PDB file of N, CA and C in Angstrom:
ATOM      1  N   UNK A   1     -11.332 -16.547 -40.883  1.00  0.00           N
ATOM      2  CA  UNK A   1     -10.398 -16.086 -39.942  1.00  0.00           C
ATOM      3  C   UNK A   1      -9.253 -16.874 -39.767  1.00  0.00           C
ATOM      4  N   UNK A   2      -8.140 -16.307 -39.556  1.00  0.00           N
ATOM      5  CA  UNK A   2      -6.871 -17.052 -39.425  1.00  0.00           C
ATOM      6  C   UNK A   2      -6.857 -17.641 -37.915  1.00  0.00           C
ATOM      7  N   UNK A   3      -7.516 -17.192 -37.053  1.00  0.00           N
ATOM      8  CA  UNK A   3      -7.581 -17.850 -35.752  1.00  0.00           C
ATOM      9  C   UNK A   3      -8.034 -19.264 -35.775  1.00  0.00           C
ATOM     10  N   UNK A   4      -8.889 -19.688 -36.743  1.00  0.00           N
ATOM     11  CA  UNK A   4      -9.360 -20.978 -36.754  1.00  0.00           C
ATOM     12  C   UNK A   4      -8.815 -21.666 -38.071  1.00  0.00           C
ATOM     13  N   UNK A   5      -7.709 -21.219 -38.745  1.00  0.00           N
ATOM     14  CA  UNK A   5      -7.153 -21.867 -39.863  1.00  0.00           C
ATOM     15  C   UNK A   5      -5.934 -22.745 -39.268  1.00  0.00           C
ATOM     16  N   UNK A   6      -5.951 -23.995 -39.068  1.00  0.00           N
ATOM     17  CA  UNK A   6      -5.020 -24.815 -38.559  1.00  0.00           C
ATOM     18  C   UNK A   6      -5.159 -26.331 -39.091  1.00  0.00           C
ATOM     19  N   UNK A   7      -4.053 -26.977 -39.033  1.00  0.00           N
ATOM     20  CA  UNK A   7      -4.105 -28.377 -39.244  1.00  0.00           C
ATOM     21  C   UNK A   7      -4.980 -29.192 -38.154  1.00  0.00           C
ATOM     22  N   UNK A   8      -5.824 -30.136 -38.651  1.00  0.00           N
ATOM     23  CA  UNK A   8      -6.670 -30.825 -37.703  1.00  0.00           C
ATOM     24  C   UNK A   8      -6.029 -31.213 -36.447  1.00  0.00           C
ATOM     25  N   UNK A   9      -4.767 -31.926 -36.585  1.00  0.00           N
ATOM     26  CA  UNK A   9      -4.193 -32.258 -35.349  1.00  0.00           C
ATOM     27  C   UNK A   9      -3.799 -31.223 -34.401  1.00  0.00           C
ATOM     28  N   UNK A  10      -3.469 -29.961 -34.998  1.00  0.00           N
ATOM     29  CA  UNK A  10      -3.163 -28.764 -34.079  1.00  0.00           C
ATOM     30  C   UNK A  10      -4.400 -28.435 -33.399  1.00  0.00           C
ATOM     31  N   UNK A  11      -5.518 -28.426 -34.155  1.00  0.00           N
ATOM     32  CA  UNK A  11      -6.770 -28.126 -33.645  1.00  0.00           C
ATOM     33  C   UNK A  11      -7.130 -28.900 -32.394  1.00  0.00           C
ATOM     34  N   UNK A  12      -6.870 -30.186 -32.617  1.00  0.00           N
ATOM     35  CA  UNK A  12      -7.257 -31.208 -31.521  1.00  0.00           C
ATOM     36  C   UNK A  12      -6.386 -30.946 -30.199  1.00  0.00           C
ATOM     37  N   UNK A  13      -5.058 -30.692 -30.545  1.00  0.00           N
ATOM     38  CA  UNK A  13      -4.078 -30.707 -29.316  1.00  0.00           C
ATOM     39  C   UNK A  13      -4.414 -29.339 -28.665  1.00  0.00           C
ATOM     40  N   UNK A  14      -4.346 -28.193 -29.372  1.00  0.00           N
ATOM     41  CA  UNK A  14      -4.581 -26.951 -28.882  1.00  0.00           C
ATOM     42  C   UNK A  14      -5.955 -26.580 -28.542  1.00  0.00           C
ATOM     43  N   UNK A  15      -6.897 -27.281 -29.021  1.00  0.00           N
ATOM     44  CA  UNK A  15      -8.374 -27.058 -28.582  1.00  0.00           C
ATOM     45  C   UNK A  15      -8.605 -27.627 -27.271  1.00  0.00           C
ATOM     46  N   UNK A  16      -7.803 -28.319 -26.620  1.00  0.00           N
ATOM     47  CA  UNK A  16      -7.772 -28.858 -25.331  1.00  0.00           C
ATOM     48  C   UNK A  16      -8.151 -27.731 -24.295  1.00  0.00           C
ATOM     49  N   UNK A  17      -7.464 -26.530 -24.568  1.00  0.00           N
ATOM     50  CA  UNK A  17      -7.688 -25.357 -23.736  1.00  0.00           C
ATOM     51  C   UNK A  17      -9.117 -24.971 -23.724  1.00  0.00           C
ATOM     52  N   UNK A  18      -9.724 -25.106 -24.910  1.00  0.00           N
ATOM     53  CA  UNK A  18     -11.143 -24.721 -25.048  1.00  0.00           C
ATOM     54  C   UNK A  18     -12.199 -25.648 -24.400  1.00  0.00           C
ATOM     55  N   UNK A  19     -11.889 -26.902 -24.759  1.00  0.00           N
ATOM     56  CA  UNK A  19     -12.924 -27.972 -24.505  1.00  0.00           C
ATOM     57  C   UNK A  19     -12.498 -28.705 -23.070  1.00  0.00           C
ATOM     58  N   UNK A  20     -11.170 -28.540 -22.766  1.00  0.00           N
ATOM     59  CA  UNK A  20     -10.571 -29.241 -21.606  1.00  0.00           C
ATOM     60  C   UNK A  20     -11.270 -28.633 -20.269  1.00  0.00           C
ATOM     61  N   UNK A  21     -11.441 -27.271 -20.214  1.00  0.00           N
ATOM     62  CA  UNK A  21     -12.034 -26.664 -19.019  1.00  0.00           C
ATOM     63  C   UNK A  21     -13.301 -27.230 -18.645  1.00  0.00           C
ATOM     64  N   UNK A  22     -14.208 -27.142 -19.574  1.00  0.00           N
ATOM     65  CA  UNK A  22     -15.653 -27.564 -19.340  1.00  0.00           C
ATOM     66  C   UNK A  22     -15.660 -29.228 -18.993  1.00  0.00           C
ATOM     67  N   UNK A  23     -14.729 -29.964 -19.700  1.00  0.00           N
ATOM     68  CA  UNK A  23     -14.643 -31.423 -19.317  1.00  0.00           C
ATOM     69  C   UNK A  23     -14.181 -31.711 -17.980  1.00  0.00           C
ATOM     70  N   UNK A  24     -13.126 -30.887 -17.533  1.00  0.00           N
ATOM     71  CA  UNK A  24     -12.633 -31.037 -16.252  1.00  0.00           C
ATOM     72  C   UNK A  24     -13.847 -30.563 -15.063  1.00  0.00           C
ATOM     73  N   UNK A  25     -14.474 -29.434 -15.462  1.00  0.00           N
ATOM     74  CA  UNK A  25     -15.469 -29.030 -14.599  1.00  0.00           C
ATOM     75  C   UNK A  25     -16.479 -30.159 -14.477  1.00  0.00           C
ATOM     76  N   UNK A  26     -16.866 -30.798 -15.477  1.00  0.00           N
ATOM     77  CA  UNK A  26     -17.879 -31.743 -15.451  1.00  0.00           C
ATOM     78  C   UNK A  26     -17.449 -33.008 -14.634  1.00  0.00           C
ATOM     79  N   UNK A  27     -16.146 -33.276 -14.690  1.00  0.00           N
ATOM     80  CA  UNK A  27     -15.599 -34.261 -13.769  1.00  0.00           C
ATOM     81  C   UNK A  27     -15.814 -34.011 -12.275  1.00  0.00           C
ATOM     82  N   UNK A  28     -15.566 -32.804 -11.989  1.00  0.00           N
ATOM     83  CA  UNK A  28     -15.494 -32.542 -10.509  1.00  0.00           C
ATOM     84  C   UNK A  28     -16.908 -32.097 -10.051  1.00  0.00           C
ATOM     85  N   UNK A  29     -17.642 -31.440 -10.879  1.00  0.00           N
ATOM     86  CA  UNK A  29     -18.963 -30.892 -10.505  1.00  0.00           C
ATOM     87  C   UNK A  29     -20.260 -31.884 -10.885  1.00  0.00           C
ATOM     88  N   UNK A  30     -20.033 -32.514 -11.891  1.00  0.00           N
ATOM     89  CA  UNK A  30     -21.098 -33.488 -12.456  1.00  0.00           C
ATOM     90  C   UNK A  30     -21.703 -33.002 -13.809  1.00  0.00           C
ATOM     91  N   UNK A  31     -21.926 -31.666 -13.881  1.00  0.00           N
ATOM     92  CA  UNK A  31     -22.553 -31.326 -15.220  1.00  0.00           C
ATOM     93  C   UNK A  31     -22.235 -29.800 -15.524  1.00  0.00           C
ATOM     94  N   UNK A  32     -22.541 -29.413 -16.699  1.00  0.00           N
ATOM     95  CA  UNK A  32     -22.304 -28.091 -17.155  1.00  0.00           C
ATOM     96  C   UNK A  32     -23.499 -27.609 -18.001  1.00  0.00           C
ATOM     97  N   UNK A  33     -23.953 -26.463 -17.737  1.00  0.00           N
ATOM     98  CA  UNK A  33     -25.239 -26.078 -18.443  1.00  0.00           C
ATOM     99  C   UNK A  33     -24.779 -25.667 -19.887  1.00  0.00           C
ATOM    100  N   UNK A  34     -25.589 -25.893 -20.831  1.00  0.00           N
ATOM    101  CA  UNK A  34     -25.220 -25.596 -22.248  1.00  0.00           C
ATOM    102  C   UNK A  34     -25.028 -24.001 -22.448  1.00  0.00           C
ATOM    103  N   UNK A  35     -25.549 -23.188 -21.784  1.00  0.00           N
ATOM    104  CA  UNK A  35     -25.385 -21.750 -21.844  1.00  0.00           C
ATOM    105  C   UNK A  35     -23.981 -21.486 -21.311  1.00  0.00           C
ATOM    106  N   UNK A  36     -23.531 -22.027 -20.246  1.00  0.00           N
ATOM    107  CA  UNK A  36     -22.226 -22.056 -19.793  1.00  0.00           C
ATOM    108  C   UNK A  36     -21.141 -22.430 -20.711  1.00  0.00           C
ATOM    109  N   UNK A  37     -21.416 -23.637 -21.402  1.00  0.00           N
ATOM    110  CA  UNK A  37     -20.567 -24.027 -22.326  1.00  0.00           C
ATOM    111  C   UNK A  37     -20.531 -23.163 -23.559  1.00  0.00           C
ATOM    112  N   UNK A  38     -21.513 -22.699 -23.977  1.00  0.00           N
ATOM    113  CA  UNK A  38     -21.400 -21.747 -25.210  1.00  0.00           C
ATOM    114  C   UNK A  38     -20.744 -20.348 -24.757  1.00  0.00           C
ATOM    115  N   UNK A  39     -20.880 -20.091 -23.618  1.00  0.00           N
ATOM    116  CA  UNK A  39     -20.253 -18.741 -23.128  1.00  0.00           C
ATOM    117  C   UNK A  39     -18.833 -18.993 -23.012  1.00  0.00           C
ATOM    118  N   UNK A  40     -18.376 -20.096 -22.489  1.00  0.00           N
ATOM    119  CA  UNK A  40     -16.993 -20.550 -22.486  1.00  0.00           C
ATOM    120  C   UNK A  40     -16.328 -20.580 -23.834  1.00  0.00           C
ATOM    121  N   UNK A  41     -16.950 -21.222 -24.805  1.00  0.00           N
ATOM    122  CA  UNK A  41     -16.442 -21.317 -26.143  1.00  0.00           C
ATOM    123  C   UNK A  41     -16.543 -19.996 -26.812  1.00  0.00           C
ATOM    124  N   UNK A  42     -17.420 -19.137 -26.635  1.00  0.00           N
ATOM    125  CA  UNK A  42     -17.481 -17.792 -27.214  1.00  0.00           C
ATOM    126  C   UNK A  42     -16.241 -17.031 -26.586  1.00  0.00           C
ATOM    127  N   UNK A  43     -15.905 -17.003 -25.332  1.00  0.00           N
ATOM    128  CA  UNK A  43     -14.950 -16.248 -24.754  1.00  0.00           C
ATOM    129  C   UNK A  43     -13.543 -16.750 -25.444  1.00  0.00           C
ATOM    130  N   UNK A  44     -13.344 -18.043 -25.573  1.00  0.00           N
ATOM    131  CA  UNK A  44     -12.216 -18.583 -26.130  1.00  0.00           C
ATOM    132  C   UNK A  44     -12.054 -18.211 -27.604  1.00  0.00           C
ATOM    133  N   UNK A  45     -13.031 -18.278 -28.327  1.00  0.00           N
ATOM    134  CA  UNK A  45     -13.015 -17.921 -29.666  1.00  0.00           C
ATOM    135  C   UNK A  45     -12.669 -16.294 -29.776  1.00  0.00           C
ATOM    136  N   UNK A  46     -13.209 -15.654 -28.932  1.00  0.00           N
ATOM    137  CA  UNK A  46     -13.036 -14.059 -28.902  1.00  0.00           C
ATOM    138  C   UNK A  46     -11.561 -13.832 -28.640  1.00  0.00           C
ATOM    139  N   UNK A  47     -10.999 -14.660 -27.665  1.00  0.00           N
ATOM    140  CA  UNK A  47      -9.505 -14.599 -27.376  1.00  0.00           C
ATOM    141  C   UNK A  47      -8.781 -14.765 -28.544  1.00  0.00           C
ATOM    142  N   UNK A  48      -9.243 -15.871 -29.285  1.00  0.00           N
ATOM    143  CA  UNK A  48      -8.326 -16.367 -30.554  1.00  0.00           C
ATOM    144  C   UNK A  48      -8.469 -15.390 -31.581  1.00  0.00           C
ATOM    145  N   UNK A  49      -9.619 -14.658 -31.739  1.00  0.00           N
ATOM    146  CA  UNK A  49      -9.871 -13.780 -32.914  1.00  0.00           C
ATOM    147  C   UNK A  49      -9.068 -12.450 -32.545  1.00  0.00           C
ATOM    148  N   UNK A  50      -9.194 -12.146 -31.194  1.00  0.00           N
ATOM    149  CA  UNK A  50      -8.504 -10.929 -30.756  1.00  0.00           C
ATOM    150  C   UNK A  50      -6.943 -10.955 -30.962  1.00  0.00           C
ATOM    151  N   UNK A  51      -6.479 -12.203 -30.686  1.00  0.00           N
ATOM    152  CA  UNK A  51      -5.005 -12.309 -30.937  1.00  0.00           C
ATOM    153  C   UNK A  51      -4.542 -12.281 -32.331  1.00  0.00           C
ATOM    154  N   UNK A  52      -5.327 -12.963 -33.243  1.00  0.00           N
ATOM    155  CA  UNK A  52      -5.119 -12.831 -34.619  1.00  0.00           C
ATOM    156  C   UNK A  52      -5.575 -11.772 -35.500  1.00  0.00           C
ATOM    157  N   UNK A  53      -6.268 -10.810 -34.734  1.00  0.00           N
ATOM    158  CA  UNK A  53      -6.837  -9.658 -35.571  1.00  0.00           C
ATOM    159  C   UNK A  53      -5.866  -8.613 -36.051  1.00  0.00           C
ATOM    160  N   UNK A  54      -4.692  -8.496 -35.338  1.00  0.00           N
ATOM    161  CA  UNK A  54      -3.616  -7.529 -35.718  1.00  0.00           C
ATOM    162  C   UNK A  54      -4.036  -6.123 -35.324  1.00  0.00           C
ATOM    163  N   UNK A  55      -4.987  -6.100 -34.590  1.00  0.00           N
ATOM    164  CA  UNK A  55      -5.430  -4.773 -33.964  1.00  0.00           C
ATOM    165  C   UNK A  55      -5.427  -4.658 -32.512  1.00  0.00           C
ATOM    166  N   UNK A  56      -4.983  -3.444 -31.912  1.00  0.00           N
ATOM    167  CA  UNK A  56      -4.968  -3.290 -30.545  1.00  0.00           C
ATOM    168  C   UNK A  56      -6.384  -2.584 -30.171  1.00  0.00           C
ATOM    169  N   UNK A  57      -7.357  -3.294 -29.960  1.00  0.00           N
ATOM    170  CA  UNK A  57      -8.698  -2.632 -29.531  1.00  0.00           C
ATOM    171  C   UNK A  57      -8.525  -2.316 -28.017  1.00  0.00           C
ATOM    172  N   UNK A  58      -9.391  -1.209 -27.721  1.00  0.00           N
ATOM    173  CA  UNK A  58      -9.429  -0.762 -26.291  1.00  0.00           C
ATOM    174  C   UNK A  58     -10.008  -1.880 -25.426  1.00  0.00           C
ATOM    175  N   UNK A  59     -10.707  -2.794 -25.898  1.00  0.00           N
ATOM    176  CA  UNK A  59     -11.284  -3.831 -25.222  1.00  0.00           C
ATOM    177  C   UNK A  59     -10.384  -5.146 -25.057  1.00  0.00           C
ATOM    178  N   UNK A  60      -9.335  -5.031 -25.830  1.00  0.00           N
ATOM    179  CA  UNK A  60      -8.490  -6.223 -25.829  1.00  0.00           C
ATOM    180  C   UNK A  60      -7.996  -6.614 -24.345  1.00  0.00           C
ATOM    181  N   UNK A  61      -7.870  -7.837 -24.185  1.00  0.00           N
ATOM    182  CA  UNK A  61      -7.586  -8.267 -22.724  1.00  0.00           C
ATOM    183  C   UNK A  61      -6.251  -7.737 -22.310  1.00  0.00           C
ATOM    184  N   UNK A  62      -5.272  -7.665 -23.100  1.00  0.00           N
ATOM    185  CA  UNK A  62      -3.834  -7.217 -22.649  1.00  0.00           C
ATOM    186  C   UNK A  62      -3.934  -5.747 -22.176  1.00  0.00           C
ATOM    187  N   UNK A  63      -4.904  -4.929 -22.464  1.00  0.00           N
ATOM    188  CA  UNK A  63      -5.117  -3.666 -21.998  1.00  0.00           C
ATOM    189  C   UNK A  63      -5.597  -3.778 -20.422  1.00  0.00           C
ATOM    190  N   UNK A  64      -6.100  -4.909 -20.001  1.00  0.00           N
ATOM    191  CA  UNK A  64      -6.632  -4.980 -18.680  1.00  0.00           C
ATOM    192  C   UNK A  64      -5.646  -5.924 -17.739  1.00  0.00           C
ATOM    193  N   UNK A  65      -4.984  -6.713 -18.464  1.00  0.00           N
ATOM    194  CA  UNK A  65      -4.211  -7.771 -17.910  1.00  0.00           C
ATOM    195  C   UNK A  65      -2.844  -7.691 -18.539  1.00  0.00           C
ATOM    196  N   UNK A  66      -1.796  -7.171 -17.859  1.00  0.00           N
ATOM    197  CA  UNK A  66      -0.489  -6.989 -18.374  1.00  0.00           C
ATOM    198  C   UNK A  66       0.277  -8.092 -18.736  1.00  0.00           C
ATOM    199  N   UNK A  67      -0.059  -9.276 -18.133  1.00  0.00           N
ATOM    200  CA  UNK A  67       0.709 -10.631 -18.642  1.00  0.00           C
ATOM    201  C   UNK A  67      -0.026 -11.237 -19.812  1.00  0.00           C
ATOM    202  N   UNK A  68      -1.152 -10.563 -20.274  1.00  0.00           N
ATOM    203  CA  UNK A  68      -1.785 -11.229 -21.363  1.00  0.00           C
ATOM    204  C   UNK A  68      -1.075 -11.031 -22.757  1.00  0.00           C
ATOM    205  N   UNK A  69      -0.994 -11.929 -23.731  1.00  0.00           N
ATOM    206  CA  UNK A  69      -0.314 -11.605 -24.796  1.00  0.00           C
ATOM    207  C   UNK A  69      -0.783 -10.630 -25.851  1.00  0.00           C
ATOM    208  N   UNK A  70      -1.931 -10.727 -26.292  1.00  0.00           N
ATOM    209  CA  UNK A  70      -2.523  -9.702 -27.308  1.00  0.00           C
ATOM    210  C   UNK A  70      -2.081  -9.903 -28.718  1.00  0.00           C
ATOM    211  N   UNK A  71      -2.573  -8.994 -29.646  1.00  0.00           N
ATOM    212  CA  UNK A  71      -2.320  -9.123 -30.961  1.00  0.00           C
ATOM    213  C   UNK A  71      -0.824  -8.672 -31.350  1.00  0.00           C
ATOM    214  N   UNK A  72      -0.314  -7.754 -30.724  1.00  0.00           N
ATOM    215  CA  UNK A  72       1.045  -7.246 -31.182  1.00  0.00           C
ATOM    216  C   UNK A  72       1.992  -8.425 -30.762  1.00  0.00           C
ATOM    217  N   UNK A  73       1.824  -8.984 -29.680  1.00  0.00           N
ATOM    218  CA  UNK A  73       2.642 -10.016 -29.132  1.00  0.00           C
ATOM    219  C   UNK A  73       2.584 -11.270 -30.108  1.00  0.00           C
ATOM    220  N   UNK A  74       1.437 -11.603 -30.518  1.00  0.00           N
ATOM    221  CA  UNK A  74       1.139 -12.774 -31.279  1.00  0.00           C
ATOM    222  C   UNK A  74       1.558 -12.403 -32.811  1.00  0.00           C
ATOM    223  N   UNK A  75       1.399 -11.307 -33.199  1.00  0.00           N
ATOM    224  CA  UNK A  75       1.813 -10.875 -34.600  1.00  0.00           C
ATOM    225  C   UNK A  75       3.209 -11.224 -34.778  1.00  0.00           C
ATOM    226  N   UNK A  76       4.101 -10.825 -33.785  1.00  0.00           N
ATOM    227  CA  UNK A  76       5.541 -11.069 -33.905  1.00  0.00           C
ATOM    228  C   UNK A  76       5.739 -12.615 -34.011  1.00  0.00           C
ATOM    229  N   UNK A  77       4.958 -13.288 -33.342  1.00  0.00           N
ATOM    230  CA  UNK A  77       5.161 -14.835 -33.537  1.00  0.00           C
ATOM    231  C   UNK A  77       4.904 -15.184 -35.002  1.00  0.00           C
ATOM    232  N   UNK A  78       3.977 -14.697 -35.657  1.00  0.00           N
ATOM    233  CA  UNK A  78       3.812 -15.177 -37.089  1.00  0.00           C
ATOM    234  C   UNK A  78       4.898 -14.366 -38.044  1.00  0.00           C
ATOM    235  N   UNK A  79       5.416 -13.250 -37.483  1.00  0.00           N
ATOM    236  CA  UNK A  79       6.460 -12.739 -38.454  1.00  0.00           C
ATOM    237  C   UNK A  79       7.843 -13.334 -38.120  1.00  0.00           C
ATOM    238  N   UNK A  80       7.954 -13.900 -37.026  1.00  0.00           N
ATOM    239  CA  UNK A  80       9.378 -14.669 -36.738  1.00  0.00           C
ATOM    240  C   UNK A  80       8.959 -15.834 -35.814  1.00  0.00           C
ATOM    241  N   UNK A  81       8.527 -16.818 -36.560  1.00  0.00           N
ATOM    242  CA  UNK A  81       7.689 -17.864 -35.900  1.00  0.00           C
ATOM    243  C   UNK A  81       8.580 -18.771 -34.883  1.00  0.00           C
ATOM    244  N   UNK A  82       9.722 -18.414 -34.612  1.00  0.00           N
ATOM    245  CA  UNK A  82      10.439 -19.275 -33.532  1.00  0.00           C
ATOM    246  C   UNK A  82      10.469 -18.334 -32.354  1.00  0.00           C
ATOM    247  N   UNK A  83       9.707 -17.504 -32.153  1.00  0.00           N
ATOM    248  CA  UNK A  83       9.535 -16.630 -30.985  1.00  0.00           C
ATOM    249  C   UNK A  83       8.159 -16.367 -30.626  1.00  0.00           C
ATOM    250  N   UNK A  84       7.862 -15.971 -29.256  1.00  0.00           N
ATOM    251  CA  UNK A  84       6.535 -15.648 -28.785  1.00  0.00           C
ATOM    252  C   UNK A  84       5.506 -16.679 -29.025  1.00  0.00           C
ATOM    253  N   UNK A  85       5.751 -17.865 -28.428  1.00  0.00           N
ATOM    254  CA  UNK A  85       4.829 -18.971 -28.537  1.00  0.00           C
ATOM    255  C   UNK A  85       3.655 -18.895 -27.723  1.00  0.00           C
ATOM    256  N   UNK A  86       3.580 -18.110 -26.584  1.00  0.00           N
ATOM    257  CA  UNK A  86       2.522 -18.111 -25.773  1.00  0.00           C
ATOM    258  C   UNK A  86       1.284 -17.395 -26.508  1.00  0.00           C
ATOM    259  N   UNK A  87       0.233 -18.055 -26.483  1.00  0.00           N
ATOM    260  CA  UNK A  87      -0.839 -17.494 -27.197  1.00  0.00           C
ATOM    261  C   UNK A  87      -1.842 -16.771 -26.138  1.00  0.00           C
ATOM    262  N   UNK A  88      -1.494 -16.933 -24.741  1.00  0.00           N
ATOM    263  CA  UNK A  88      -2.265 -16.314 -23.869  1.00  0.00           C
ATOM    264  C   UNK A  88      -1.307 -15.620 -22.872  1.00  0.00           C
ATOM    265  N   UNK A  89      -0.543 -16.344 -22.190  1.00  0.00           N
ATOM    266  CA  UNK A  89       0.281 -15.783 -21.001  1.00  0.00           C
ATOM    267  C   UNK A  89       1.555 -15.499 -21.445  1.00  0.00           C
ATOM    268  N   UNK A  90       2.103 -14.186 -21.398  1.00  0.00           N
ATOM    269  CA  UNK A  90       3.389 -13.838 -21.685  1.00  0.00           C
ATOM    270  C   UNK A  90       4.623 -14.476 -20.811  1.00  0.00           C
ATOM    271  N   UNK A  91       4.267 -14.740 -19.534  1.00  0.00           N
ATOM    272  CA  UNK A  91       5.237 -15.138 -18.722  1.00  0.00           C
ATOM    273  C   UNK A  91       5.780 -16.607 -19.233  1.00  0.00           C
ATOM    274  N   UNK A  92       5.237 -17.300 -20.048  1.00  0.00           N
ATOM    275  CA  UNK A  92       5.868 -18.604 -20.564  1.00  0.00           C
ATOM    276  C   UNK A  92       6.941 -18.107 -21.461  1.00  0.00           C
ATOM    277  N   UNK A  93       6.819 -17.101 -22.311  1.00  0.00           N
ATOM    278  CA  UNK A  93       7.947 -16.735 -23.231  1.00  0.00           C
ATOM    279  C   UNK A  93       9.006 -16.120 -22.372  1.00  0.00           C
ATOM    280  N   UNK A  94       8.690 -15.381 -21.367  1.00  0.00           N
ATOM    281  CA  UNK A  94       9.738 -14.925 -20.526  1.00  0.00           C
ATOM    282  C   UNK A  94      10.571 -15.997 -19.833  1.00  0.00           C
ATOM    283  N   UNK A  95       9.854 -16.968 -19.254  1.00  0.00           N
ATOM    284  CA  UNK A  95      10.484 -18.046 -18.427  1.00  0.00           C
ATOM    285  C   UNK A  95      11.389 -18.854 -19.411  1.00  0.00           C
ATOM    286  N   UNK A  96      10.809 -19.091 -20.677  1.00  0.00           N
ATOM    287  CA  UNK A  96      11.551 -19.896 -21.639  1.00  0.00           C
ATOM    288  C   UNK A  96      12.569 -19.269 -22.581  1.00  0.00           C
ATOM    289  N   UNK A  97      12.570 -17.895 -22.487  1.00  0.00           N
ATOM    290  CA  UNK A  97      13.530 -16.972 -23.209  1.00  0.00           C
ATOM    291  C   UNK A  97      13.166 -16.897 -24.657  1.00  0.00           C
ATOM    292  N   UNK A  98      11.869 -16.973 -25.011  1.00  0.00           N
ATOM    293  CA  UNK A  98      11.583 -17.059 -26.480  1.00  0.00           C
ATOM    294  C   UNK A  98      10.839 -15.715 -26.747  1.00  0.00           C
ATOM    295  N   UNK A  99      11.161 -14.705 -25.988  1.00  0.00           N
ATOM    296  CA  UNK A  99      10.597 -13.361 -26.288  1.00  0.00           C
ATOM    297  C   UNK A  99      11.853 -12.244 -26.438  1.00  0.00           C
ATOM    298  N   UNK A 100      12.940 -12.859 -26.314  1.00  0.00           N
ATOM    299  CA  UNK A 100      14.160 -11.805 -26.341  1.00  0.00           C
ATOM    300  C   UNK A 100      14.171 -11.118 -27.672  1.00  0.00           C
ATOM    301  N   UNK A 101      14.095 -11.752 -28.810  1.00  0.00           N
ATOM    302  CA  UNK A 101      14.050 -11.093 -30.160  1.00  0.00           C
ATOM    303  C   UNK A 101      12.825  -9.994 -30.249  1.00  0.00           C
ATOM    304  N   UNK A 102      11.578 -10.509 -29.627  1.00  0.00           N
ATOM    305  CA  UNK A 102      10.656  -9.491 -29.615  1.00  0.00           C
ATOM    306  C   UNK A 102      10.863  -8.216 -28.896  1.00  0.00           C
ATOM    307  N   UNK A 103      11.460  -8.371 -27.748  1.00  0.00           N
ATOM    308  CA  UNK A 103      11.807  -7.095 -26.963  1.00  0.00           C
ATOM    309  C   UNK A 103      12.802  -6.275 -27.707  1.00  0.00           C
ATOM    310  N   UNK A 104      13.752  -6.931 -28.326  1.00  0.00           N
ATOM    311  CA  UNK A 104      14.836  -6.220 -29.029  1.00  0.00           C
ATOM    312  C   UNK A 104      14.103  -5.429 -30.213  1.00  0.00           C
ATOM    313  N   UNK A 105      13.163  -6.140 -30.900  1.00  0.00           N
ATOM    314  CA  UNK A 105      12.416  -5.636 -31.911  1.00  0.00           C
ATOM    315  C   UNK A 105      11.594  -4.292 -31.551  1.00  0.00           C
ATOM    316  N   UNK A 106      10.970  -4.526 -30.286  1.00  0.00           N
ATOM    317  CA  UNK A 106      10.235  -3.442 -29.845  1.00  0.00           C
ATOM    318  C   UNK A 106      11.166  -2.138 -29.406  1.00  0.00           C
ATOM    319  N   UNK A 107      12.319  -2.521 -28.960  1.00  0.00           N
ATOM    320  CA  UNK A 107      13.205  -1.494 -28.664  1.00  0.00           C
ATOM    321  C   UNK A 107      13.678  -0.661 -29.839  1.00  0.00           C
ATOM    322  N   UNK A 108      14.021  -1.427 -30.967  1.00  0.00           N
ATOM    323  CA  UNK A 108      14.367  -0.835 -32.365  1.00  0.00           C
ATOM    324  C   UNK A 108      13.352   0.160 -32.755  1.00  0.00           C
ATOM    325  N   UNK A 109      12.065  -0.379 -32.712  1.00  0.00           N
ATOM    326  CA  UNK A 109      10.873   0.566 -33.045  1.00  0.00           C
ATOM    327  C   UNK A 109      10.783   1.683 -32.223  1.00  0.00           C
ATOM    328  N   UNK A 110      11.031   1.602 -30.928  1.00  0.00           N
ATOM    329  CA  UNK A 110      10.898   2.759 -29.933  1.00  0.00           C
ATOM    330  C   UNK A 110      12.039   3.794 -30.389  1.00  0.00           C
ATOM    331  N   UNK A 111      13.236   3.195 -30.799  1.00  0.00           N
ATOM    332  CA  UNK A 111      14.349   4.008 -31.056  1.00  0.00           C
ATOM    333  C   UNK A 111      14.014   4.854 -32.306  1.00  0.00           C
ATOM    334  N   UNK A 112      13.366   4.233 -33.279  1.00  0.00           N
ATOM    335  CA  UNK A 112      13.081   4.892 -34.679  1.00  0.00           C
ATOM    336  C   UNK A 112      11.985   5.963 -34.299  1.00  0.00           C
ATOM    337  N   UNK A 113      11.173   5.642 -33.469  1.00  0.00           N
ATOM    338  CA  UNK A 113      10.002   6.540 -33.213  1.00  0.00           C
ATOM    339  C   UNK A 113      10.631   7.987 -32.561  1.00  0.00           C
ATOM    340  N   UNK A 114      11.539   7.771 -31.752  1.00  0.00           N
ATOM    341  CA  UNK A 114      12.085   8.847 -31.107  1.00  0.00           C
ATOM    342  C   UNK A 114      12.804   9.719 -32.029  1.00  0.00           C
ATOM    343  N   UNK A 115      13.526   9.193 -33.016  1.00  0.00           N
ATOM    344  CA  UNK A 115      14.339   9.916 -34.086  1.00  0.00           C
ATOM    345  C   UNK A 115      13.592  10.849 -34.843  1.00  0.00           C
TER     346      UNK A 115
END
């Protein structure tokens, strides 16, 4: 799966979102149950696979959370890799202006669809 195909350094840096949550939880609470850790990692893998699948499933998170990136948003990042850097939250691309070309692309597609 392309969601897990990355350079080891990239995996270490961006893996902090997956492993960092439970580590911080342990720092403040004291421990985390193994089942909780497995559930957390499963959810993070589900999110990564969903974003890289290229499909808009009915159960995809962006259908429930309008600020969530989703496969369509992330696919544009792979097509034009200097855009849409947010892997989860779209607002980061809005704040930093890295989604302008994505919105222009979506507008062009919508115009073609109308014709």
